[in-house]
Amino acid sequence: MDDCLFCKIVAGEIPGDIVHTTERTVAFRDINPQAPTHVLVVPKAHFANAADLAAGDPQASAELVTAAAAVATAEGHDDYRLVYNTGEGVGQTVFHTHLHLLAGRPMTWPPG
């Protein structure tokens, strides 16, 4: 997508603090972190949300979680939270699937 911020980061057109890449994913630090470790893991291919990704490329969907776990381990975290926001009503602001990896502080339940 020509106007997608995350597609531009994946393509290297916009800089991002990249911390991990795989064949299908790129992980980079969130510019507005909500925890000491806040990394976004995105598929290299554009899908609007997590449901679209799971339907369109189930292997990439699974690889987002695997990549997030690798980043958490590399950052020294055994405990972490993974979050997908799907839709504007729950806080999705960039409509390219992204998995939030949050770690490094206590987190409450329920979130939000």
C-alpha atoms as a PDB file:
ATOM      1  CA  MET A   1       0.000   0.000   0.000  1.00  0.00           C
ATOM      2  CA  ASP A   2       1.518   3.290  -1.093  1.00  0.00           C
ATOM      3  CA  ASP A   3       0.341   5.300   1.910  1.00  0.00           C
ATOM      4  CA  CYS A   4       0.856   2.688   4.659  1.00  0.00           C
ATOM      5  CA  LEU A   5       3.330   3.804   7.331  1.00  0.00           C
ATOM      6  CA  PHE A   6       4.327   0.250   8.272  1.00  0.00           C
ATOM      7  CA  CYS A   7       4.768  -0.805   4.633  1.00  0.00           C
ATOM      8  CA  LYS A   8       7.173   2.129   4.287  1.00  0.00           C
ATOM      9  CA  ILE A   9       9.125   1.021   7.385  1.00  0.00           C
ATOM     10  CA  VAL A  10       9.274  -2.558   6.060  1.00  0.00           C
ATOM     11  CA  ALA A  11      10.526  -1.244   2.692  1.00  0.00           C
ATOM     12  CA  GLY A  12      13.151   0.976   4.362  1.00  0.00           C
ATOM     13  CA  GLU A  13      11.562   4.161   3.006  1.00  0.00           C
ATOM     14  CA  ILE A  14      10.980   5.454   6.555  1.00  0.00           C
ATOM     15  CA  PRO A  15      13.482   4.695   9.320  1.00  0.00           C
ATOM     16  CA  GLY A  16      12.463   2.475  12.177  1.00  0.00           C
ATOM     17  CA  ASP A  17      14.380   1.105  15.138  1.00  0.00           C
ATOM     18  CA  ILE A  18      14.408  -2.460  13.759  1.00  0.00           C
ATOM     19  CA  VAL A  19      15.196  -5.090  16.389  1.00  0.00           C
ATOM     20  CA  HIS A  20      14.371  -8.355  14.571  1.00  0.00           C
ATOM     21  CA  THR A  21      13.534  -9.598  11.093  1.00  0.00           C
ATOM     22  CA  THR A  22      12.473 -12.919   9.625  1.00  0.00           C
ATOM     23  CA  GLU A  23      11.422 -14.036   6.169  1.00  0.00           C
ATOM     24  CA  ARG A  24       7.884 -12.780   6.789  1.00  0.00           C
ATOM     25  CA  THR A  25       8.172 -10.283   9.676  1.00  0.00           C
ATOM     26  CA  VAL A  26       9.843  -7.101  10.867  1.00  0.00           C
ATOM     27  CA  ALA A  27       9.934  -5.993  14.507  1.00  0.00           C
ATOM     28  CA  PHE A  28      10.648  -2.402  15.522  1.00  0.00           C
ATOM     29  CA  ARG A  29      10.325  -0.250  18.617  1.00  0.00           C
ATOM     30  CA  ASP A  30       7.089   1.677  19.080  1.00  0.00           C
ATOM     31  CA  ILE A  31       7.607   5.452  18.881  1.00  0.00           C
ATOM     32  CA  ASN A  32       5.104   5.935  21.739  1.00  0.00           C
ATOM     33  CA  PRO A  33       6.071   3.140  24.139  1.00  0.00           C
ATOM     34  CA  GLN A  34       3.587   2.023  26.772  1.00  0.00           C
ATOM     35  CA  ALA A  35       6.127  -0.177  28.589  1.00  0.00           C
ATOM     36  CA  PRO A  36       9.922  -0.276  28.914  1.00  0.00           C
ATOM     37  CA  THR A  37       9.906  -2.809  26.094  1.00  0.00           C
ATOM     38  CA  HIS A  38       7.282  -1.976  23.466  1.00  0.00           C
ATOM     39  CA  VAL A  39       7.974  -3.518  20.094  1.00  0.00           C
ATOM     40  CA  LEU A  40       5.648  -3.836  17.119  1.00  0.00           C
ATOM     41  CA  VAL A  41       5.912  -7.025  15.077  1.00  0.00           C
ATOM     42  CA  VAL A  42       4.427  -6.671  11.592  1.00  0.00           C
ATOM     43  CA  PRO A  43       4.109  -8.919   8.570  1.00  0.00           C
ATOM     44  CA  LYS A  44       6.154  -7.779   5.584  1.00  0.00           C
ATOM     45  CA  ALA A  45       3.039  -8.215   3.421  1.00  0.00           C
ATOM     46  CA  HIS A  46       0.195  -5.769   3.961  1.00  0.00           C
ATOM     47  CA  PHE A  47      -2.914  -7.040   5.740  1.00  0.00           C
ATOM     48  CA  ALA A  48      -5.285  -4.584   7.421  1.00  0.00           C
ATOM     49  CA  ASN A  49      -5.748  -6.497  10.682  1.00  0.00           C
ATOM     50  CA  ALA A  50      -5.032  -9.738  12.536  1.00  0.00           C
ATOM     51  CA  ALA A  51      -8.102 -11.539  11.172  1.00  0.00           C
ATOM     52  CA  ASP A  52      -7.178 -10.668   7.582  1.00  0.00           C
ATOM     53  CA  LEU A  53      -3.620 -11.889   8.177  1.00  0.00           C
ATOM     54  CA  ALA A  54      -4.775 -15.176   9.718  1.00  0.00           C
ATOM     55  CA  ALA A  55      -7.062 -15.818   6.739  1.00  0.00           C
ATOM     56  CA  GLY A  56      -4.600 -14.638   4.090  1.00  0.00           C
ATOM     57  CA  ASP A  57      -1.261 -15.956   5.393  1.00  0.00           C
ATOM     58  CA  PRO A  58      -1.634 -18.238   8.428  1.00  0.00           C
ATOM     59  CA  GLN A  59       2.094 -18.990   8.441  1.00  0.00           C
ATOM     60  CA  ALA A  60       2.958 -15.294   8.759  1.00  0.00           C
ATOM     61  CA  SER A  61       0.309 -14.968  11.460  1.00  0.00           C
ATOM     62  CA  ALA A  62       2.033 -17.665  13.510  1.00  0.00           C
ATOM     63  CA  GLU A  63       5.448 -16.192  12.744  1.00  0.00           C
ATOM     64  CA  LEU A  64       4.451 -12.862  14.353  1.00  0.00           C
ATOM     65  CA  VAL A  65       4.067 -14.652  17.682  1.00  0.00           C
ATOM     66  CA  THR A  66       7.310 -16.596  17.220  1.00  0.00           C
ATOM     67  CA  ALA A  67       9.168 -13.389  16.335  1.00  0.00           C
ATOM     68  CA  ALA A  68       7.689 -11.590  19.349  1.00  0.00           C
ATOM     69  CA  ALA A  69       8.858 -14.402  21.634  1.00  0.00           C
ATOM     70  CA  ALA A  70      12.358 -14.169  20.144  1.00  0.00           C
ATOM     71  CA  VAL A  71      12.451 -10.414  20.761  1.00  0.00           C
ATOM     72  CA  ALA A  72      11.218 -10.853  24.353  1.00  0.00           C
ATOM     73  CA  THR A  73      13.949 -13.420  25.011  1.00  0.00           C
ATOM     74  CA  ALA A  74      16.608 -11.210  23.406  1.00  0.00           C
ATOM     75  CA  GLU A  75      15.470  -8.303  25.601  1.00  0.00           C
ATOM     76  CA  GLY A  76      15.686 -10.486  28.736  1.00  0.00           C
ATOM     77  CA  HIS A  77      11.969 -10.982  29.406  1.00  0.00           C
ATOM     78  CA  ASP A  78      10.310 -14.230  30.436  1.00  0.00           C
ATOM     79  CA  ASP A  79       6.999 -12.452  31.087  1.00  0.00           C
ATOM     80  CA  TYR A  80       5.396 -10.324  28.403  1.00  0.00           C
ATOM     81  CA  ARG A  81       2.059  -9.341  26.898  1.00  0.00           C
ATOM     82  CA  LEU A  82       1.059  -9.645  23.248  1.00  0.00           C
ATOM     83  CA  VAL A  83      -1.772  -7.442  21.962  1.00  0.00           C
ATOM     84  CA  TYR A  84      -3.565  -7.075  18.637  1.00  0.00           C
ATOM     85  CA  ASN A  85      -5.929  -4.165  18.114  1.00  0.00           C
ATOM     86  CA  THR A  86      -8.378  -4.894  15.302  1.00  0.00           C
ATOM     87  CA  GLY A  87     -10.451  -1.895  14.347  1.00  0.00           C
ATOM     88  CA  GLU A  88     -10.549   1.796  15.117  1.00  0.00           C
ATOM     89  CA  GLY A  89     -13.000   1.307  18.001  1.00  0.00           C
ATOM     90  CA  VAL A  90     -10.369  -0.567  20.045  1.00  0.00           C
ATOM     91  CA  GLY A  91      -7.413   1.655  19.249  1.00  0.00           C
ATOM     92  CA  GLN A  92      -5.994   0.473  15.924  1.00  0.00           C
ATOM     93  CA  THR A  93      -4.538   3.577  14.281  1.00  0.00           C
ATOM     94  CA  VAL A  94      -2.336   2.043  11.580  1.00  0.00           C
ATOM     95  CA  PHE A  95      -4.281  -0.380   9.432  1.00  0.00           C
ATOM     96  CA  HIS A  96      -1.428  -2.805   8.799  1.00  0.00           C
ATOM     97  CA  THR A  97      -1.525  -5.819  11.110  1.00  0.00           C
ATOM     98  CA  HIS A  98       0.787  -5.336  14.058  1.00  0.00           C
ATOM     99  CA  LEU A  99       1.358  -7.281  17.224  1.00  0.00           C
ATOM    100  CA  HIS A 100       2.368  -5.247  20.273  1.00  0.00           C
ATOM    101  CA  LEU A 101       4.996  -6.869  22.496  1.00  0.00           C
ATOM    102  CA  LEU A 102       4.894  -5.221  25.925  1.00  0.00           C
ATOM    103  CA  ALA A 103       7.244  -6.106  28.778  1.00  0.00           C
ATOM    104  CA  GLY A 104       9.358  -4.712  31.564  1.00  0.00           C
ATOM    105  CA  ARG A 105       6.654  -3.522  33.977  1.00  0.00           C
ATOM    106  CA  PRO A 106       3.741  -5.033  35.913  1.00  0.00           C
ATOM    107  CA  MET A 107       0.527  -5.163  33.902  1.00  0.00           C
ATOM    108  CA  THR A 108      -2.996  -5.284  35.230  1.00  0.00           C
ATOM    109  CA  TRP A 109      -6.009  -7.252  34.109  1.00  0.00           C
ATOM    110  CA  PRO A 110      -8.257  -6.409  32.450  1.00  0.00           C
ATOM    111  CA  PRO A 111      -6.285  -4.114  30.185  1.00  0.00           C
ATOM    112  CA  GLY A 112      -7.679  -0.849  28.930  1.00  0.00           C
END
